[in-house]
Amino acid sequence: GGRGMYGKNVHLAVLKNHENKSGITIHFVNEHYDDGEIILQKSCVISPNETVNSLQKKIHSLEFKYFPKTIEKIVLQ
């Protein structure tokens, strides 16, 4: 993560580093970049023939599944 790590940039970096999993981190926002308290983390397995586009689809799937549930949970607390 960190500055500049969004969209295809992060997926490409993950694949170049030969990671075996990737995922999402949902966190509160504060005055520092990517520094807020973590609310939820979810991951997916990276297959040997993974591409940037296929990994991006896996990550989007996690985002679509968990962002609404997490926001709802926070709002209803």
N, C-alpha and C. Protein backbone atom coordinates (compact mmCIF):
# COMPACT_ATOMS: atom_id res chain seq x y z
N GLY A 1 0.81 -1.19 0.00
CA GLY A 1 0.00 0.00 0.00
C GLY A 1 0.85 1.25 0.00
N GLY A 2 0.19 2.34 0.22
CA GLY A 2 0.87 3.62 0.30
C GLY A 2 0.59 4.51 -0.89
N ARG A 3 1.24 5.63 -0.92
CA ARG A 3 1.02 6.63 -1.96
C ARG A 3 1.27 6.04 -3.36
N GLY A 4 0.32 6.28 -4.26
CA GLY A 4 0.43 5.79 -5.63
C GLY A 4 -0.05 4.36 -5.82
N MET A 5 -0.37 3.70 -4.72
CA MET A 5 -0.81 2.30 -4.83
C MET A 5 -2.33 2.23 -4.86
N TYR A 6 -2.84 2.33 -6.07
CA TYR A 6 -4.28 2.23 -6.31
C TYR A 6 -4.48 1.65 -7.70
N GLY A 7 -5.66 1.10 -7.91
CA GLY A 7 -5.99 0.55 -9.22
C GLY A 7 -4.97 -0.46 -9.69
N LYS A 8 -4.68 -0.42 -10.97
CA LYS A 8 -3.77 -1.40 -11.56
C LYS A 8 -2.34 -1.29 -11.03
N ASN A 9 -1.96 -0.12 -10.52
CA ASN A 9 -0.61 0.04 -9.96
C ASN A 9 -0.35 -0.96 -8.84
N VAL A 10 -1.30 -1.08 -7.93
CA VAL A 10 -1.11 -1.98 -6.80
C VAL A 10 -1.14 -3.44 -7.25
N HIS A 11 -2.01 -3.78 -8.18
CA HIS A 11 -2.10 -5.16 -8.65
C HIS A 11 -0.82 -5.57 -9.38
N LEU A 12 -0.28 -4.67 -10.16
CA LEU A 12 0.97 -4.93 -10.86
C LEU A 12 2.11 -5.14 -9.87
N ALA A 13 2.18 -4.31 -8.84
CA ALA A 13 3.23 -4.43 -7.83
C ALA A 13 3.11 -5.77 -7.09
N VAL A 14 1.90 -6.17 -6.77
CA VAL A 14 1.68 -7.46 -6.08
C VAL A 14 2.17 -8.61 -6.94
N LEU A 15 1.83 -8.59 -8.23
CA LEU A 15 2.26 -9.67 -9.13
C LEU A 15 3.77 -9.65 -9.34
N LYS A 16 4.37 -8.48 -9.47
CA LYS A 16 5.82 -8.39 -9.64
C LYS A 16 6.57 -8.91 -8.42
N ASN A 17 5.97 -8.79 -7.25
CA ASN A 17 6.58 -9.28 -6.01
C ASN A 17 6.31 -10.76 -5.75
N HIS A 18 5.59 -11.39 -6.68
CA HIS A 18 5.27 -12.83 -6.59
C HIS A 18 4.56 -13.17 -5.28
N GLU A 19 3.65 -12.29 -4.87
CA GLU A 19 2.86 -12.54 -3.67
C GLU A 19 1.90 -13.70 -3.92
N ASN A 20 1.49 -14.39 -2.87
CA ASN A 20 0.55 -15.50 -3.03
C ASN A 20 -0.87 -15.12 -2.63
N LYS A 21 -1.04 -13.90 -2.09
CA LYS A 21 -2.38 -13.39 -1.83
C LYS A 21 -2.38 -11.87 -1.87
N SER A 22 -3.56 -11.32 -2.05
CA SER A 22 -3.76 -9.88 -2.05
C SER A 22 -5.10 -9.63 -1.37
N GLY A 23 -5.51 -8.38 -1.27
CA GLY A 23 -6.78 -8.13 -0.62
C GLY A 23 -7.09 -6.67 -0.42
N ILE A 24 -8.05 -6.45 0.48
CA ILE A 24 -8.50 -5.09 0.77
C ILE A 24 -8.34 -4.79 2.25
N THR A 25 -8.15 -3.54 2.54
CA THR A 25 -8.16 -3.05 3.91
C THR A 25 -9.11 -1.86 3.96
N ILE A 26 -10.11 -1.96 4.82
CA ILE A 26 -11.03 -0.85 5.05
C ILE A 26 -10.61 -0.22 6.37
N HIS A 27 -10.37 1.08 6.36
CA HIS A 27 -9.91 1.74 7.58
C HIS A 27 -10.52 3.13 7.70
N PHE A 28 -10.51 3.63 8.92
CA PHE A 28 -10.95 5.00 9.14
C PHE A 28 -9.90 5.94 8.57
N VAL A 29 -10.34 7.10 8.12
CA VAL A 29 -9.45 8.10 7.56
C VAL A 29 -9.04 9.06 8.67
N ASN A 30 -7.76 9.39 8.70
CA ASN A 30 -7.26 10.41 9.63
C ASN A 30 -6.35 11.36 8.85
N GLU A 31 -5.57 12.16 9.56
CA GLU A 31 -4.75 13.17 8.88
C GLU A 31 -3.52 12.60 8.19
N HIS A 32 -3.23 11.31 8.36
CA HIS A 32 -2.06 10.68 7.74
C HIS A 32 -2.50 9.70 6.65
N TYR A 33 -1.73 9.63 5.60
CA TYR A 33 -2.07 8.78 4.45
C TYR A 33 -2.05 7.30 4.84
N ASP A 34 -3.15 6.60 4.58
CA ASP A 34 -3.28 5.16 4.86
C ASP A 34 -2.88 4.78 6.28
N ASP A 35 -3.28 5.59 7.25
CA ASP A 35 -2.83 5.38 8.62
C ASP A 35 -3.97 5.14 9.61
N GLY A 36 -5.21 5.27 9.16
CA GLY A 36 -6.34 5.16 10.08
C GLY A 36 -6.51 3.76 10.64
N GLU A 37 -7.24 3.69 11.74
CA GLU A 37 -7.53 2.41 12.39
C GLU A 37 -8.20 1.45 11.41
N ILE A 38 -7.70 0.23 11.35
CA ILE A 38 -8.24 -0.78 10.44
C ILE A 38 -9.57 -1.29 10.97
N ILE A 39 -10.55 -1.32 10.10
CA ILE A 39 -11.88 -1.82 10.44
C ILE A 39 -12.02 -3.27 9.98
N LEU A 40 -11.53 -3.56 8.77
CA LEU A 40 -11.71 -4.90 8.20
C LEU A 40 -10.64 -5.17 7.16
N GLN A 41 -10.14 -6.39 7.13
CA GLN A 41 -9.23 -6.83 6.06
C GLN A 41 -9.75 -8.16 5.52
N LYS A 42 -9.71 -8.30 4.21
CA LYS A 42 -10.10 -9.55 3.54
C LYS A 42 -9.09 -9.81 2.43
N SER A 43 -8.83 -11.09 2.16
CA SER A 43 -7.82 -11.42 1.15
C SER A 43 -8.35 -12.45 0.17
N CYS A 44 -7.61 -12.60 -0.92
CA CYS A 44 -7.90 -13.61 -1.93
C CYS A 44 -6.57 -14.24 -2.35
N VAL A 45 -6.65 -15.46 -2.82
CA VAL A 45 -5.46 -16.19 -3.27
C VAL A 45 -5.12 -15.76 -4.69
N ILE A 46 -3.84 -15.62 -4.95
CA ILE A 46 -3.36 -15.30 -6.30
C ILE A 46 -2.94 -16.60 -6.96
N SER A 47 -3.55 -16.91 -8.08
CA SER A 47 -3.23 -18.14 -8.79
C SER A 47 -1.94 -17.97 -9.60
N PRO A 48 -1.29 -19.08 -9.94
CA PRO A 48 -0.02 -19.00 -10.68
C PRO A 48 -0.12 -18.25 -12.02
N ASN A 49 -1.28 -18.31 -12.66
CA ASN A 49 -1.45 -17.66 -13.97
C ASN A 49 -2.23 -16.35 -13.87
N GLU A 50 -2.20 -15.73 -12.68
CA GLU A 50 -2.95 -14.48 -12.44
C GLU A 50 -2.43 -13.36 -13.34
N THR A 51 -3.35 -12.54 -13.80
CA THR A 51 -3.01 -11.34 -14.57
C THR A 51 -3.47 -10.12 -13.77
N VAL A 52 -3.02 -8.95 -14.19
CA VAL A 52 -3.46 -7.72 -13.54
C VAL A 52 -4.98 -7.62 -13.60
N ASN A 53 -5.55 -7.92 -14.76
CA ASN A 53 -7.00 -7.81 -14.92
C ASN A 53 -7.76 -8.82 -14.08
N SER A 54 -7.28 -10.06 -14.02
CA SER A 54 -8.00 -11.07 -13.22
C SER A 54 -7.87 -10.77 -11.73
N LEU A 55 -6.73 -10.26 -11.30
CA LEU A 55 -6.57 -9.89 -9.90
C LEU A 55 -7.45 -8.68 -9.57
N GLN A 56 -7.51 -7.74 -10.49
CA GLN A 56 -8.36 -6.58 -10.28
C GLN A 56 -9.82 -7.01 -10.10
N LYS A 57 -10.28 -7.99 -10.85
CA LYS A 57 -11.65 -8.49 -10.71
C LYS A 57 -11.86 -9.13 -9.34
N LYS A 58 -10.88 -9.88 -8.87
CA LYS A 58 -10.99 -10.50 -7.54
C LYS A 58 -11.09 -9.43 -6.45
N ILE A 59 -10.26 -8.41 -6.56
CA ILE A 59 -10.27 -7.34 -5.57
C ILE A 59 -11.58 -6.56 -5.61
N HIS A 60 -12.07 -6.27 -6.80
CA HIS A 60 -13.36 -5.58 -6.93
C HIS A 60 -14.48 -6.40 -6.30
N SER A 61 -14.41 -7.70 -6.47
CA SER A 61 -15.41 -8.58 -5.87
C SER A 61 -15.40 -8.45 -4.34
N LEU A 62 -14.21 -8.42 -3.75
CA LEU A 62 -14.11 -8.22 -2.30
C LEU A 62 -14.67 -6.86 -1.89
N GLU A 63 -14.33 -5.82 -2.66
CA GLU A 63 -14.81 -4.47 -2.35
C GLU A 63 -16.33 -4.41 -2.41
N PHE A 64 -16.91 -4.95 -3.47
CA PHE A 64 -18.37 -4.91 -3.64
C PHE A 64 -19.08 -5.68 -2.54
N LYS A 65 -18.46 -6.75 -2.06
CA LYS A 65 -19.06 -7.57 -1.01
C LYS A 65 -18.94 -6.91 0.37
N TYR A 66 -17.77 -6.38 0.69
CA TYR A 66 -17.51 -5.96 2.06
C TYR A 66 -17.66 -4.47 2.35
N PHE A 67 -17.50 -3.60 1.37
CA PHE A 67 -17.66 -2.17 1.66
C PHE A 67 -19.07 -1.84 2.13
N PRO A 68 -20.13 -2.26 1.42
CA PRO A 68 -21.47 -1.92 1.90
C PRO A 68 -21.77 -2.49 3.28
N LYS A 69 -21.39 -3.72 3.53
CA LYS A 69 -21.64 -4.34 4.84
C LYS A 69 -20.91 -3.59 5.95
N THR A 70 -19.68 -3.18 5.68
CA THR A 70 -18.87 -2.49 6.68
C THR A 70 -19.43 -1.10 6.95
N ILE A 71 -19.80 -0.39 5.91
CA ILE A 71 -20.40 0.95 6.08
C ILE A 71 -21.70 0.85 6.87
N GLU A 72 -22.53 -0.11 6.52
CA GLU A 72 -23.80 -0.30 7.24
C GLU A 72 -23.55 -0.58 8.73
N LYS A 73 -22.58 -1.43 9.01
CA LYS A 73 -22.27 -1.77 10.39
C LYS A 73 -21.83 -0.53 11.18
N ILE A 74 -20.98 0.30 10.58
CA ILE A 74 -20.50 1.52 11.23
C ILE A 74 -21.65 2.51 11.47
N VAL A 75 -22.48 2.69 10.46
CA VAL A 75 -23.59 3.66 10.55
C VAL A 75 -24.60 3.23 11.62
N LEU A 76 -24.83 1.94 11.73
CA LEU A 76 -25.86 1.45 12.66
C LEU A 76 -25.36 1.25 14.09
N GLN A 77 -24.09 1.50 14.34
CA GLN A 77 -23.56 1.34 15.70
C GLN A 77 -24.10 2.39 16.63
